[in-house]
């Protein structure tokens, strides 16, 4: 049995394979944990952010909104709406500002490590302190903090990974551990309201895992089929009593 078939079998095929044979067929809700305002994901963008870290989860989660009307995903800035220059030098306009009260999940991207000192990106944002302070202040019951690759270092700067199972890019594992993270060797590390990933392309796997966890395996499988991508690596998840 292949992994897609196993996912469907394990869930009990919420909508049945036939219901997903055509793109964007709505799927009945798979779980009751989504709030009255839906399942809302925000991805903060900042100067020097890695292009793939924002666009990989944005596209994956964007497909989820077609299958389940409760799902919403938006790019936000770490301040007022405005333009952001990505790590590639591409400039984009972001129409929404920082508003964590509207989110159920904040997906924190990375970018900037390995570039020349003083380049925009995560190291500069950690030194400046603005985004770590925003993340620390945003913590509340019901909000999941997630990170793509070195985005975990921003969460670490906010004190969010301290004493928690987590991961990041392999070149920063030791630094994350020195800062108090409990390193867990997996592609995706799910510790409930903290989900971290390791790898430049791990935003794809993070998004698919969050969709499976919150909206159901059928939708995750359908997105894989549309994207012609299968989630790679291991998902570590803390056993719940």
C-alpha atoms as a PDB file:
ATOM      1  CA  UNK A   1       0.000   0.000   0.000  1.00  0.00           C
ATOM      2  CA  UNK A   2       1.482   3.374  -0.916  1.00  0.00           C
ATOM      3  CA  UNK A   3       1.606   6.259   1.543  1.00  0.00           C
ATOM      4  CA  UNK A   4      -1.334   8.134   0.022  1.00  0.00           C
ATOM      5  CA  UNK A   5      -3.528   5.050   0.255  1.00  0.00           C
ATOM      6  CA  UNK A   6      -2.384   4.492   3.833  1.00  0.00           C
ATOM      7  CA  UNK A   7      -3.312   8.047   4.783  1.00  0.00           C
ATOM      8  CA  UNK A   8      -6.786   7.629   3.360  1.00  0.00           C
ATOM      9  CA  UNK A   9      -7.264   4.253   5.007  1.00  0.00           C
ATOM     10  CA  UNK A  10      -6.037   5.526   8.352  1.00  0.00           C
ATOM     11  CA  UNK A  11      -8.457   8.432   8.327  1.00  0.00           C
ATOM     12  CA  UNK A  12     -11.380   6.406   7.134  1.00  0.00           C
ATOM     13  CA  UNK A  13     -11.572   8.354   3.872  1.00  0.00           C
ATOM     14  CA  UNK A  14     -13.506  11.356   5.095  1.00  0.00           C
ATOM     15  CA  UNK A  15     -14.770  12.232   1.675  1.00  0.00           C
ATOM     16  CA  UNK A  16     -13.891   9.064  -0.216  1.00  0.00           C
ATOM     17  CA  UNK A  17     -11.355   8.821  -3.008  1.00  0.00           C
ATOM     18  CA  UNK A  18     -13.950   9.585  -5.633  1.00  0.00           C
ATOM     19  CA  UNK A  19     -14.796  12.921  -4.040  1.00  0.00           C
ATOM     20  CA  UNK A  20     -11.260  14.127  -4.678  1.00  0.00           C
ATOM     21  CA  UNK A  21     -10.955  12.976  -8.273  1.00  0.00           C
ATOM     22  CA  UNK A  22     -11.398  16.504  -9.607  1.00  0.00           C
ATOM     23  CA  UNK A  23      -9.444  19.505  -8.313  1.00  0.00           C
ATOM     24  CA  UNK A  24     -10.953  21.747  -5.635  1.00  0.00           C
ATOM     25  CA  UNK A  25     -13.911  19.551  -4.717  1.00  0.00           C
ATOM     26  CA  UNK A  26     -14.950  20.721  -1.238  1.00  0.00           C
ATOM     27  CA  UNK A  27     -14.385  18.175   1.526  1.00  0.00           C
ATOM     28  CA  UNK A  28     -16.534  17.923   4.660  1.00  0.00           C
ATOM     29  CA  UNK A  29     -14.718  19.031   7.830  1.00  0.00           C
ATOM     30  CA  UNK A  30     -12.470  16.307   9.233  1.00  0.00           C
ATOM     31  CA  UNK A  31     -12.236  17.597  12.782  1.00  0.00           C
ATOM     32  CA  UNK A  32     -14.070  19.872  15.149  1.00  0.00           C
ATOM     33  CA  UNK A  33     -11.117  21.837  16.545  1.00  0.00           C
ATOM     34  CA  UNK A  34     -11.236  24.682  14.027  1.00  0.00           C
ATOM     35  CA  UNK A  35     -12.590  27.870  15.531  1.00  0.00           C
ATOM     36  CA  UNK A  36     -15.702  29.794  14.474  1.00  0.00           C
ATOM     37  CA  UNK A  37     -13.586  32.095  12.309  1.00  0.00           C
ATOM     38  CA  UNK A  38     -12.044  29.188  10.431  1.00  0.00           C
ATOM     39  CA  UNK A  39      -8.451  27.975  10.372  1.00  0.00           C
ATOM     40  CA  UNK A  40      -6.278  31.045   9.774  1.00  0.00           C
ATOM     41  CA  UNK A  41      -2.582  30.946   8.898  1.00  0.00           C
ATOM     42  CA  UNK A  42      -0.303  33.965   8.685  1.00  0.00           C
ATOM     43  CA  UNK A  43       3.193  34.044   7.178  1.00  0.00           C
ATOM     44  CA  UNK A  44       5.224  37.110   8.190  1.00  0.00           C
ATOM     45  CA  UNK A  45       7.497  38.510   5.481  1.00  0.00           C
ATOM     46  CA  UNK A  46      10.509  40.734   6.175  1.00  0.00           C
ATOM     47  CA  UNK A  47      13.473  42.092   4.237  1.00  0.00           C
ATOM     48  CA  UNK A  48      15.894  39.283   3.417  1.00  0.00           C
ATOM     49  CA  UNK A  49      13.355  36.508   3.885  1.00  0.00           C
ATOM     50  CA  UNK A  50      14.017  33.374   1.831  1.00  0.00           C
ATOM     51  CA  UNK A  51      11.698  33.324  -1.185  1.00  0.00           C
ATOM     52  CA  UNK A  52      10.962  29.607  -0.901  1.00  0.00           C
ATOM     53  CA  UNK A  53      10.278  29.839   2.819  1.00  0.00           C
ATOM     54  CA  UNK A  54       7.251  32.026   2.194  1.00  0.00           C
ATOM     55  CA  UNK A  55       6.053  30.897  -1.224  1.00  0.00           C
ATOM     56  CA  UNK A  56       6.250  27.120  -0.654  1.00  0.00           C
ATOM     57  CA  UNK A  57       3.839  27.112   2.321  1.00  0.00           C
ATOM     58  CA  UNK A  58       1.787  29.937   0.798  1.00  0.00           C
ATOM     59  CA  UNK A  59       1.059  27.893  -2.328  1.00  0.00           C
ATOM     60  CA  UNK A  60       0.427  24.627  -0.472  1.00  0.00           C
ATOM     61  CA  UNK A  61      -1.886  26.283   2.027  1.00  0.00           C
ATOM     62  CA  UNK A  62      -3.531  28.261  -0.751  1.00  0.00           C
ATOM     63  CA  UNK A  63      -4.724  24.996  -2.278  1.00  0.00           C
ATOM     64  CA  UNK A  64      -6.185  24.033   1.097  1.00  0.00           C
ATOM     65  CA  UNK A  65      -8.462  27.077   0.933  1.00  0.00           C
ATOM     66  CA  UNK A  66     -10.038  25.656  -2.221  1.00  0.00           C
ATOM     67  CA  UNK A  67     -10.869  22.348  -0.563  1.00  0.00           C
ATOM     68  CA  UNK A  68     -12.038  23.717   2.784  1.00  0.00           C
ATOM     69  CA  UNK A  69     -13.674  27.127   2.993  1.00  0.00           C
ATOM     70  CA  UNK A  70     -12.637  27.423   6.654  1.00  0.00           C
ATOM     71  CA  UNK A  71      -8.949  27.653   5.701  1.00  0.00           C
ATOM     72  CA  UNK A  72      -7.349  31.047   5.130  1.00  0.00           C
ATOM     73  CA  UNK A  73      -3.724  32.010   4.527  1.00  0.00           C
ATOM     74  CA  UNK A  74      -2.160  35.438   4.160  1.00  0.00           C
ATOM     75  CA  UNK A  75       1.212  37.098   3.999  1.00  0.00           C
ATOM     76  CA  UNK A  76       1.706  39.808   6.595  1.00  0.00           C
ATOM     77  CA  UNK A  77       4.520  42.204   7.396  1.00  0.00           C
ATOM     78  CA  UNK A  78       6.137  42.654  10.785  1.00  0.00           C
ATOM     79  CA  UNK A  79       4.796  46.202  10.817  1.00  0.00           C
ATOM     80  CA  UNK A  80       2.309  48.119   8.674  1.00  0.00           C
ATOM     81  CA  UNK A  81       1.468  46.868   5.169  1.00  0.00           C
ATOM     82  CA  UNK A  82       4.115  47.711   2.601  1.00  0.00           C
ATOM     83  CA  UNK A  83       6.851  46.388   0.360  1.00  0.00           C
ATOM     84  CA  UNK A  84       9.376  43.713   1.329  1.00  0.00           C
ATOM     85  CA  UNK A  85      12.615  42.830  -0.488  1.00  0.00           C
ATOM     86  CA  UNK A  86      13.168  39.066  -0.537  1.00  0.00           C
ATOM     87  CA  UNK A  87      16.539  37.314  -0.282  1.00  0.00           C
ATOM     88  CA  UNK A  88      16.632  37.066  -4.088  1.00  0.00           C
ATOM     89  CA  UNK A  89      16.255  40.828  -4.403  1.00  0.00           C
ATOM     90  CA  UNK A  90      12.666  40.541  -5.595  1.00  0.00           C
ATOM     91  CA  UNK A  91      10.391  43.227  -4.180  1.00  0.00           C
ATOM     92  CA  UNK A  92       6.820  42.291  -3.281  1.00  0.00           C
ATOM     93  CA  UNK A  93       3.916  44.286  -1.872  1.00  0.00           C
ATOM     94  CA  UNK A  94       2.284  42.839   1.228  1.00  0.00           C
ATOM     95  CA  UNK A  95      -1.202  44.183   1.828  1.00  0.00           C
ATOM     96  CA  UNK A  96      -1.667  43.031   5.435  1.00  0.00           C
ATOM     97  CA  UNK A  97       0.194  44.119   8.551  1.00  0.00           C
ATOM     98  CA  UNK A  98       1.062  42.268  11.731  1.00  0.00           C
ATOM     99  CA  UNK A  99      -2.140  41.004  13.387  1.00  0.00           C
ATOM    100  CA  UNK A 100      -1.496  37.762  15.323  1.00  0.00           C
ATOM    101  CA  UNK A 101      -4.894  38.000  16.988  1.00  0.00           C
ATOM    102  CA  UNK A 102      -6.354  36.980  13.608  1.00  0.00           C
ATOM    103  CA  UNK A 103      -4.211  33.827  13.351  1.00  0.00           C
ATOM    104  CA  UNK A 104      -4.462  30.237  14.510  1.00  0.00           C
ATOM    105  CA  UNK A 105      -1.006  29.468  13.101  1.00  0.00           C
ATOM    106  CA  UNK A 106       1.952  31.759  12.453  1.00  0.00           C
ATOM    107  CA  UNK A 107       4.472  30.240  10.032  1.00  0.00           C
ATOM    108  CA  UNK A 108       7.832  31.953  10.590  1.00  0.00           C
ATOM    109  CA  UNK A 109      10.162  31.786   7.563  1.00  0.00           C
ATOM    110  CA  UNK A 110      13.947  32.064   7.522  1.00  0.00           C
ATOM    111  CA  UNK A 111      16.578  33.549   5.241  1.00  0.00           C
ATOM    112  CA  UNK A 112      19.842  35.413   5.393  1.00  0.00           C
ATOM    113  CA  UNK A 113      22.202  32.978   7.082  1.00  0.00           C
ATOM    114  CA  UNK A 114      25.426  32.448   5.153  1.00  0.00           C
ATOM    115  CA  UNK A 115      25.246  35.864   3.476  1.00  0.00           C
ATOM    116  CA  UNK A 116      27.637  38.706   4.165  1.00  0.00           C
ATOM    117  CA  UNK A 117      27.449  40.300   7.632  1.00  0.00           C
ATOM    118  CA  UNK A 118      24.897  43.056   7.720  1.00  0.00           C
ATOM    119  CA  UNK A 119      22.743  41.536   4.969  1.00  0.00           C
ATOM    120  CA  UNK A 120      18.984  41.581   5.615  1.00  0.00           C
ATOM    121  CA  UNK A 121      17.480  38.390   6.996  1.00  0.00           C
ATOM    122  CA  UNK A 122      17.092  36.422  10.197  1.00  0.00           C
ATOM    123  CA  UNK A 123      20.459  37.292  11.818  1.00  0.00           C
ATOM    124  CA  UNK A 124      19.794  40.990  11.370  1.00  0.00           C
ATOM    125  CA  UNK A 125      16.244  40.657  12.670  1.00  0.00           C
ATOM    126  CA  UNK A 126      17.492  38.808  15.753  1.00  0.00           C
ATOM    127  CA  UNK A 127      20.028  41.568  16.389  1.00  0.00           C
ATOM    128  CA  UNK A 128      17.363  44.234  15.895  1.00  0.00           C
ATOM    129  CA  UNK A 129      14.990  42.382  18.195  1.00  0.00           C
ATOM    130  CA  UNK A 130      11.739  43.651  16.704  1.00  0.00           C
ATOM    131  CA  UNK A 131      10.381  40.383  15.268  1.00  0.00           C
ATOM    132  CA  UNK A 132      11.434  38.257  18.266  1.00  0.00           C
ATOM    133  CA  UNK A 133       9.587  40.713  20.534  1.00  0.00           C
ATOM    134  CA  UNK A 134       6.490  40.526  18.335  1.00  0.00           C
ATOM    135  CA  UNK A 135       6.548  36.720  18.381  1.00  0.00           C
ATOM    136  CA  UNK A 136       7.027  36.564  22.152  1.00  0.00           C
ATOM    137  CA  UNK A 137       4.133  38.991  22.705  1.00  0.00           C
ATOM    138  CA  UNK A 138       1.850  37.057  20.326  1.00  0.00           C
ATOM    139  CA  UNK A 139       1.913  33.811  22.325  1.00  0.00           C
ATOM    140  CA  UNK A 140      -1.469  32.730  23.617  1.00  0.00           C
ATOM    141  CA  UNK A 141      -3.578  29.620  24.089  1.00  0.00           C
ATOM    142  CA  UNK A 142      -4.836  28.319  20.767  1.00  0.00           C
ATOM    143  CA  UNK A 143      -2.026  29.815  18.668  1.00  0.00           C
ATOM    144  CA  UNK A 144       0.492  27.479  17.028  1.00  0.00           C
ATOM    145  CA  UNK A 145       3.926  28.857  16.240  1.00  0.00           C
ATOM    146  CA  UNK A 146       5.607  27.113  13.307  1.00  0.00           C
ATOM    147  CA  UNK A 147       8.867  27.726  11.496  1.00  0.00           C
ATOM    148  CA  UNK A 148      10.469  26.937   8.179  1.00  0.00           C
ATOM    149  CA  UNK A 149      14.148  26.004   8.432  1.00  0.00           C
ATOM    150  CA  UNK A 150      16.151  28.835  10.056  1.00  0.00           C
ATOM    151  CA  UNK A 151      12.926  30.602  10.992  1.00  0.00           C
ATOM    152  CA  UNK A 152      13.361  28.531  14.150  1.00  0.00           C
ATOM    153  CA  UNK A 153      16.143  30.924  15.146  1.00  0.00           C
ATOM    154  CA  UNK A 154      13.633  33.775  15.273  1.00  0.00           C
ATOM    155  CA  UNK A 155      11.446  31.628  17.531  1.00  0.00           C
ATOM    156  CA  UNK A 156      14.536  30.892  19.611  1.00  0.00           C
ATOM    157  CA  UNK A 157      15.257  34.608  19.841  1.00  0.00           C
ATOM    158  CA  UNK A 158      11.735  35.002  21.223  1.00  0.00           C
ATOM    159  CA  UNK A 159      12.354  32.296  23.832  1.00  0.00           C
ATOM    160  CA  UNK A 160       9.724  30.029  22.293  1.00  0.00           C
ATOM    161  CA  UNK A 161      11.915  26.976  21.555  1.00  0.00           C
ATOM    162  CA  UNK A 162      13.660  26.927  24.948  1.00  0.00           C
ATOM    163  CA  UNK A 163      13.167  23.539  26.595  1.00  0.00           C
ATOM    164  CA  UNK A 164      11.025  22.323  23.674  1.00  0.00           C
ATOM    165  CA  UNK A 165      11.634  19.644  21.016  1.00  0.00           C
ATOM    166  CA  UNK A 166      12.612  21.475  17.838  1.00  0.00           C
ATOM    167  CA  UNK A 167      14.780  21.446  14.727  1.00  0.00           C
ATOM    168  CA  UNK A 168      16.244  23.778  12.106  1.00  0.00           C
ATOM    169  CA  UNK A 169      18.756  23.734   9.243  1.00  0.00           C
ATOM    170  CA  UNK A 170      21.527  21.241   9.997  1.00  0.00           C
ATOM    171  CA  UNK A 171      24.182  23.980  10.073  1.00  0.00           C
ATOM    172  CA  UNK A 172      22.408  25.764  12.928  1.00  0.00           C
ATOM    173  CA  UNK A 173      21.436  22.744  15.037  1.00  0.00           C
ATOM    174  CA  UNK A 174      24.245  23.325  17.546  1.00  0.00           C
ATOM    175  CA  UNK A 175      23.382  27.005  17.913  1.00  0.00           C
ATOM    176  CA  UNK A 176      19.713  26.210  18.461  1.00  0.00           C
ATOM    177  CA  UNK A 177      20.722  23.687  21.119  1.00  0.00           C
ATOM    178  CA  UNK A 178      23.015  26.206  22.846  1.00  0.00           C
ATOM    179  CA  UNK A 179      20.052  28.561  23.009  1.00  0.00           C
ATOM    180  CA  UNK A 180      18.022  25.963  24.896  1.00  0.00           C
ATOM    181  CA  UNK A 181      16.222  24.001  22.191  1.00  0.00           C
ATOM    182  CA  UNK A 182      15.836  20.239  22.643  1.00  0.00           C
ATOM    183  CA  UNK A 183      17.094  19.040  19.267  1.00  0.00           C
ATOM    184  CA  UNK A 184      14.948  16.375  17.636  1.00  0.00           C
ATOM    185  CA  UNK A 185      16.244  14.853  14.403  1.00  0.00           C
ATOM    186  CA  UNK A 186      13.261  14.868  12.080  1.00  0.00           C
ATOM    187  CA  UNK A 187      12.102  16.796   9.027  1.00  0.00           C
ATOM    188  CA  UNK A 188       9.070  18.111  10.933  1.00  0.00           C
ATOM    189  CA  UNK A 189       8.969  18.292  14.732  1.00  0.00           C
ATOM    190  CA  UNK A 190       5.452  18.716  16.120  1.00  0.00           C
ATOM    191  CA  UNK A 191       5.259  19.602  19.802  1.00  0.00           C
ATOM    192  CA  UNK A 192       1.647  20.731  19.754  1.00  0.00           C
ATOM    193  CA  UNK A 193       1.649  24.513  19.657  1.00  0.00           C
ATOM    194  CA  UNK A 194       5.242  24.541  18.365  1.00  0.00           C
ATOM    195  CA  UNK A 195       6.048  22.979  14.985  1.00  0.00           C
ATOM    196  CA  UNK A 196       9.541  23.377  13.518  1.00  0.00           C
ATOM    197  CA  UNK A 197      11.189  22.023  10.379  1.00  0.00           C
ATOM    198  CA  UNK A 198      14.682  21.521   9.021  1.00  0.00           C
ATOM    199  CA  UNK A 199      15.731  22.062   5.416  1.00  0.00           C
ATOM    200  CA  UNK A 200      15.515  24.764   2.773  1.00  0.00           C
ATOM    201  CA  UNK A 201      12.523  23.082   1.105  1.00  0.00           C
ATOM    202  CA  UNK A 202      10.847  22.070   4.362  1.00  0.00           C
ATOM    203  CA  UNK A 203       8.105  24.676   3.976  1.00  0.00           C
ATOM    204  CA  UNK A 204       6.400  22.259   1.597  1.00  0.00           C
ATOM    205  CA  UNK A 205       6.447  19.487   4.179  1.00  0.00           C
ATOM    206  CA  UNK A 206       5.413  21.776   7.018  1.00  0.00           C
ATOM    207  CA  UNK A 207       2.378  23.023   5.105  1.00  0.00           C
ATOM    208  CA  UNK A 208       1.262  19.520   4.156  1.00  0.00           C
ATOM    209  CA  UNK A 209       1.649  18.317   7.730  1.00  0.00           C
ATOM    210  CA  UNK A 210      -0.351  21.248   9.117  1.00  0.00           C
ATOM    211  CA  UNK A 211      -3.089  20.575   6.561  1.00  0.00           C
ATOM    212  CA  UNK A 212      -3.193  16.897   7.484  1.00  0.00           C
ATOM    213  CA  UNK A 213      -3.221  17.697  11.202  1.00  0.00           C
ATOM    214  CA  UNK A 214      -5.903  20.380  11.083  1.00  0.00           C
ATOM    215  CA  UNK A 215      -8.006  19.691   7.981  1.00  0.00           C
ATOM    216  CA  UNK A 216      -7.525  15.971   7.399  1.00  0.00           C
ATOM    217  CA  UNK A 217      -5.498  13.498   5.389  1.00  0.00           C
ATOM    218  CA  UNK A 218      -7.771  13.582   2.344  1.00  0.00           C
ATOM    219  CA  UNK A 219      -7.063  17.255   1.737  1.00  0.00           C
ATOM    220  CA  UNK A 220      -3.324  16.755   2.287  1.00  0.00           C
ATOM    221  CA  UNK A 221      -3.339  13.912  -0.228  1.00  0.00           C
ATOM    222  CA  UNK A 222      -5.314  15.959  -2.739  1.00  0.00           C
ATOM    223  CA  UNK A 223      -2.803  18.818  -2.506  1.00  0.00           C
ATOM    224  CA  UNK A 224       0.076  16.374  -2.982  1.00  0.00           C
ATOM    225  CA  UNK A 225      -1.597  15.057  -6.119  1.00  0.00           C
ATOM    226  CA  UNK A 226      -2.151  18.526  -7.578  1.00  0.00           C
ATOM    227  CA  UNK A 227       1.400  19.620  -6.779  1.00  0.00           C
ATOM    228  CA  UNK A 228       2.882  16.264  -7.815  1.00  0.00           C
ATOM    229  CA  UNK A 229       4.901  16.345  -4.619  1.00  0.00           C
ATOM    230  CA  UNK A 230       5.051  13.814  -1.791  1.00  0.00           C
ATOM    231  CA  UNK A 231       6.029  14.970   1.659  1.00  0.00           C
ATOM    232  CA  UNK A 232       9.535  13.804   2.501  1.00  0.00           C
ATOM    233  CA  UNK A 233      11.248  12.922   5.745  1.00  0.00           C
ATOM    234  CA  UNK A 234       9.881  11.958   9.130  1.00  0.00           C
ATOM    235  CA  UNK A 235       7.287  13.769  11.195  1.00  0.00           C
ATOM    236  CA  UNK A 236       8.071  13.545  14.913  1.00  0.00           C
ATOM    237  CA  UNK A 237       5.082  14.173  17.122  1.00  0.00           C
ATOM    238  CA  UNK A 238       4.965  14.102  20.905  1.00  0.00           C
ATOM    239  CA  UNK A 239       2.795  11.289  22.207  1.00  0.00           C
ATOM    240  CA  UNK A 240      -0.316  12.670  23.861  1.00  0.00           C
ATOM    241  CA  UNK A 241      -1.799  11.063  26.950  1.00  0.00           C
END
